[in-house]
Amino acid sequence: MSIKVGVAGVGAIGAAVCRALIDGIDGFSLCAGADLAPDKARALIHRPDFDLPFVKLEEVADHADWIIEALPAAAVPDLTRTAMAKGRTLVLISSAALLIHPDLKDLAGQKDGRILVPSGALAGMDGINALAEQGILRAKLVTTKKPQAYSGAPYIVQEQIDLDAIGSARTIFSGHARDAAAAFPANVNVAATLTLASRLSPEDVQVEVRADPALTANCHEVTVEGRYSTLHFKLENLPDPANPKSSTLAALSMIAALRRHSAGFWVG
């Protein structure tokens, strides 16, 4: 019997996961979607022969065993509480919400509910998790995107930063992961995912956010230092055409997490 999956938020990321489920992932079947604009969501999915039912966000957990979350950060707490109360598995890409609302993580495990955080736009989570077994000493993330990718971020609005006036590469934020999550909730889920994998306090993970109008890709540079090993790597992700604040890799990480669950063999 297949696991029923509901997708909460059918934008660029959610639509990609829907397509993969419709096309076939062993052990899973797509049963429902939730989005404020169902017609637009169906167009993004681009599978006209598949009649996906759309339900209210608060009803997704009534229909699905697993829930794929691809929502604005502000909508994540209510969905998480509902999913955990009903004992569902929540695949959560908006990991910044777990730093902004640390109580959400504590709900996992209650009433058999689970929260799974995929690697998103990052890589190397297996190595970071391994280093965390002996304790990580330091972790730092430098994220660089085109200026307009940060449009509407709370920090940009608060500091009245004119993104159009940025003519060359510059640092627009430097601080720790919890402040970064609140400042850029749609842009630095990578900082939250790194923090959660490292098992460090959010206040102990350094985050630098940079804007560079010359970039053609979203860049994330990670440094993690353990007792015996140091990981240092850089990712360059082309912005998702449907959502330049994110990357295609984020959606692919969720699809890979589903395939891994039902696989008889996996690496990493």
Foldseek 3Di string as FASTA:
>chain_A
DAFEEEEEAQFLLSLLLQLDQVVHFPRYHYAAYEDPDVVVSCVNNPPVVDDHHYDHLLCRLVTGQEYEYDDQLVPPPVSLVSNLVSQHEYADALLLNCLLPVVSCVSAPHVNYHYHYFLAQHDDLVVLLVLLVQAWDAKEKEKEEALCLQPPFQQCVVVVPDSVPDAAKDWPDKAFQNVVCNRRSLAPSNRSSSCVSNVDRRRRYIYIYMHGNPDQFIKMWMWIGHPPDIDTDMDTFGADPRRNSGGPRRSVRVSVVSNVVPDPDDDD
